[in-house]
Amino acid sequence: MRFPTTITIATVLRNQKRPGFTEPFHKVLFAIEQDVLDGLVIPIWVHPAWPEDLIEAVARAFLAGRLVDLASAAEAQSTMTPDETDALWQTVKPPTIEGHPT
């Protein structure tokens, strides 16, 4: 079972106080939008030494790595494989959401 997901930059907050650091960092907030997630925002800290025109690209690269780590951690904790989850979903599918495929 896969759900369409969009990831957009919600905002870039420049020169923010990052806990544990003396110098300011840029904080890039990513909005993760998916039917099954409500208001998920992931902050990524970017050091100000990165060129200004690369802040968003660097933040996306850091985000990609963090999401891979999160997926790996979730998979390691799971007692079901993705195929087993999909098979179970097919037996207990709730009614479809209007405008979205099953």
C-alpha atoms as a PDB file:
ATOM      1  CA  MET A   1       0.000   0.000   0.000  1.00  0.00           C
ATOM      2  CA  ARG A   2       1.553   3.248  -1.163  1.00  0.00           C
ATOM      3  CA  PHE A   3       0.184   6.738  -0.793  1.00  0.00           C
ATOM      4  CA  PRO A   4       1.142   9.698  -2.984  1.00  0.00           C
ATOM      5  CA  THR A   5       3.399  12.059  -1.066  1.00  0.00           C
ATOM      6  CA  THR A   6       4.558  15.595  -1.762  1.00  0.00           C
ATOM      7  CA  ILE A   7       7.409  17.328   0.008  1.00  0.00           C
ATOM      8  CA  THR A   8       7.615  21.091  -0.198  1.00  0.00           C
ATOM      9  CA  ILE A   9       9.670  23.717   1.538  1.00  0.00           C
ATOM     10  CA  ALA A  10       7.358  25.423   3.991  1.00  0.00           C
ATOM     11  CA  THR A  11       9.843  28.124   4.924  1.00  0.00           C
ATOM     12  CA  VAL A  12      13.505  28.952   5.391  1.00  0.00           C
ATOM     13  CA  LEU A  13      14.320  30.630   8.699  1.00  0.00           C
ATOM     14  CA  ARG A  14      17.723  32.245   8.509  1.00  0.00           C
ATOM     15  CA  ASN A  15      20.151  32.797  11.384  1.00  0.00           C
ATOM     16  CA  GLN A  16      18.272  30.801  14.004  1.00  0.00           C
ATOM     17  CA  LYS A  17      19.581  29.745  17.404  1.00  0.00           C
ATOM     18  CA  ARG A  18      20.292  26.010  17.202  1.00  0.00           C
ATOM     19  CA  PRO A  19      20.358  24.259  20.571  1.00  0.00           C
ATOM     20  CA  GLY A  20      23.868  23.180  21.502  1.00  0.00           C
ATOM     21  CA  PHE A  21      25.612  25.522  19.068  1.00  0.00           C
ATOM     22  CA  THR A  22      26.917  29.037  19.588  1.00  0.00           C
ATOM     23  CA  GLU A  23      26.624  30.225  16.011  1.00  0.00           C
ATOM     24  CA  PRO A  24      23.322  30.647  14.162  1.00  0.00           C
ATOM     25  CA  PHE A  25      22.119  28.125  11.574  1.00  0.00           C
ATOM     26  CA  HIS A  26      19.501  28.266   8.841  1.00  0.00           C
ATOM     27  CA  LYS A  27      16.440  26.151   9.602  1.00  0.00           C
ATOM     28  CA  VAL A  28      14.606  24.770   6.568  1.00  0.00           C
ATOM     29  CA  LEU A  29      11.107  23.481   7.301  1.00  0.00           C
ATOM     30  CA  PHE A  30       9.747  20.827   4.953  1.00  0.00           C
ATOM     31  CA  ALA A  31       6.012  20.115   4.778  1.00  0.00           C
ATOM     32  CA  ILE A  32       5.222  16.451   4.126  1.00  0.00           C
ATOM     33  CA  GLU A  33       1.767  16.091   2.608  1.00  0.00           C
ATOM     34  CA  GLN A  34      -0.013  12.775   2.376  1.00  0.00           C
ATOM     35  CA  ASP A  35      -3.589  11.656   2.970  1.00  0.00           C
ATOM     36  CA  VAL A  36      -2.623   9.650   6.053  1.00  0.00           C
ATOM     37  CA  LEU A  37      -0.404  12.314   7.648  1.00  0.00           C
ATOM     38  CA  ASP A  38      -1.724  15.416   9.352  1.00  0.00           C
ATOM     39  CA  GLY A  39       0.513  18.463   9.369  1.00  0.00           C
ATOM     40  CA  LEU A  40       3.915  16.778   9.329  1.00  0.00           C
ATOM     41  CA  VAL A  41       6.765  19.303   9.237  1.00  0.00           C
ATOM     42  CA  ILE A  42      10.414  18.242   9.371  1.00  0.00           C
ATOM     43  CA  PRO A  43      13.090  20.795  10.270  1.00  0.00           C
ATOM     44  CA  ILE A  44      16.555  20.494   8.747  1.00  0.00           C
ATOM     45  CA  TRP A  45      19.436  22.602  10.045  1.00  0.00           C
ATOM     46  CA  VAL A  46      21.895  23.968   7.474  1.00  0.00           C
ATOM     47  CA  HIS A  47      25.193  25.588   8.445  1.00  0.00           C
ATOM     48  CA  PRO A  48      25.521  29.165   7.151  1.00  0.00           C
ATOM     49  CA  ALA A  49      28.873  28.313   5.529  1.00  0.00           C
ATOM     50  CA  TRP A  50      26.930  26.758   2.652  1.00  0.00           C
ATOM     51  CA  PRO A  51      26.434  29.210  -0.245  1.00  0.00           C
ATOM     52  CA  GLU A  52      23.138  31.068  -0.005  1.00  0.00           C
ATOM     53  CA  ASP A  53      21.914  29.765  -3.368  1.00  0.00           C
ATOM     54  CA  LEU A  54      22.473  26.138  -2.261  1.00  0.00           C
ATOM     55  CA  ILE A  55      20.685  26.207   1.112  1.00  0.00           C
ATOM     56  CA  GLU A  56      17.534  24.534  -0.215  1.00  0.00           C
ATOM     57  CA  ALA A  57      19.450  21.916  -2.228  1.00  0.00           C
ATOM     58  CA  VAL A  58      21.652  21.059   0.757  1.00  0.00           C
ATOM     59  CA  ALA A  59      18.601  20.830   3.021  1.00  0.00           C
ATOM     60  CA  ARG A  60      16.878  18.471   0.545  1.00  0.00           C
ATOM     61  CA  ALA A  61      19.991  16.265   0.457  1.00  0.00           C
ATOM     62  CA  PHE A  62      20.072  16.136   4.271  1.00  0.00           C
ATOM     63  CA  LEU A  63      16.313  15.447   4.353  1.00  0.00           C
ATOM     64  CA  ALA A  64      16.663  12.537   1.916  1.00  0.00           C
ATOM     65  CA  GLY A  65      19.265  10.917   4.148  1.00  0.00           C
ATOM     66  CA  ARG A  66      17.146  11.414   7.270  1.00  0.00           C
ATOM     67  CA  LEU A  67      14.072   9.919   5.579  1.00  0.00           C
ATOM     68  CA  VAL A  68      16.074   6.852   4.506  1.00  0.00           C
ATOM     69  CA  ASP A  69      17.281   6.451   8.104  1.00  0.00           C
ATOM     70  CA  LEU A  70      13.710   6.797   9.416  1.00  0.00           C
ATOM     71  CA  ALA A  71      12.391   4.238   6.935  1.00  0.00           C
ATOM     72  CA  SER A  72      15.169   1.806   7.861  1.00  0.00           C
ATOM     73  CA  ALA A  73      14.466   2.241  11.562  1.00  0.00           C
ATOM     74  CA  ALA A  74      10.732   1.715  11.045  1.00  0.00           C
ATOM     75  CA  GLU A  75      11.341  -1.363   8.913  1.00  0.00           C
ATOM     76  CA  ALA A  76      13.701  -2.816  11.512  1.00  0.00           C
ATOM     77  CA  GLN A  77      10.991  -2.424  14.165  1.00  0.00           C
ATOM     78  CA  SER A  78       8.216  -3.861  11.980  1.00  0.00           C
ATOM     79  CA  THR A  79       6.974  -7.380  12.483  1.00  0.00           C
ATOM     80  CA  MET A  80       5.401  -7.422   9.004  1.00  0.00           C
ATOM     81  CA  THR A  81       6.993  -7.100   5.593  1.00  0.00           C
ATOM     82  CA  PRO A  82       5.567  -4.544   3.134  1.00  0.00           C
ATOM     83  CA  ASP A  83       4.066  -7.437   1.116  1.00  0.00           C
ATOM     84  CA  GLU A  84       2.391  -8.861   4.237  1.00  0.00           C
ATOM     85  CA  THR A  85       1.020  -5.414   5.074  1.00  0.00           C
ATOM     86  CA  ASP A  86      -0.359  -5.024   1.542  1.00  0.00           C
ATOM     87  CA  ALA A  87      -1.967  -8.468   1.681  1.00  0.00           C
ATOM     88  CA  LEU A  88      -3.603  -7.633   5.013  1.00  0.00           C
ATOM     89  CA  TRP A  89      -4.766  -4.256   3.655  1.00  0.00           C
ATOM     90  CA  GLN A  90      -6.546  -6.029   0.794  1.00  0.00           C
ATOM     91  CA  THR A  91      -8.605  -8.030   3.312  1.00  0.00           C
ATOM     92  CA  VAL A  92      -9.633  -5.118   5.567  1.00  0.00           C
ATOM     93  CA  LYS A  93      -9.737  -2.141   3.182  1.00  0.00           C
ATOM     94  CA  PRO A  94     -12.001   0.617   4.492  1.00  0.00           C
ATOM     95  CA  PRO A  95     -14.341   2.407   2.087  1.00  0.00           C
ATOM     96  CA  THR A  96     -12.519   4.508  -0.458  1.00  0.00           C
ATOM     97  CA  ILE A  97     -11.945   8.190   0.107  1.00  0.00           C
ATOM     98  CA  GLU A  98     -13.770  10.210  -2.509  1.00  0.00           C
ATOM     99  CA  GLY A  99     -11.435  11.105  -5.356  1.00  0.00           C
ATOM    100  CA  HIS A 100      -8.646   8.725  -4.323  1.00  0.00           C
ATOM    101  CA  PRO A 101      -8.030   5.252  -5.720  1.00  0.00           C
ATOM    102  CA  THR A 102      -7.908   2.220  -3.467  1.00  0.00           C
END
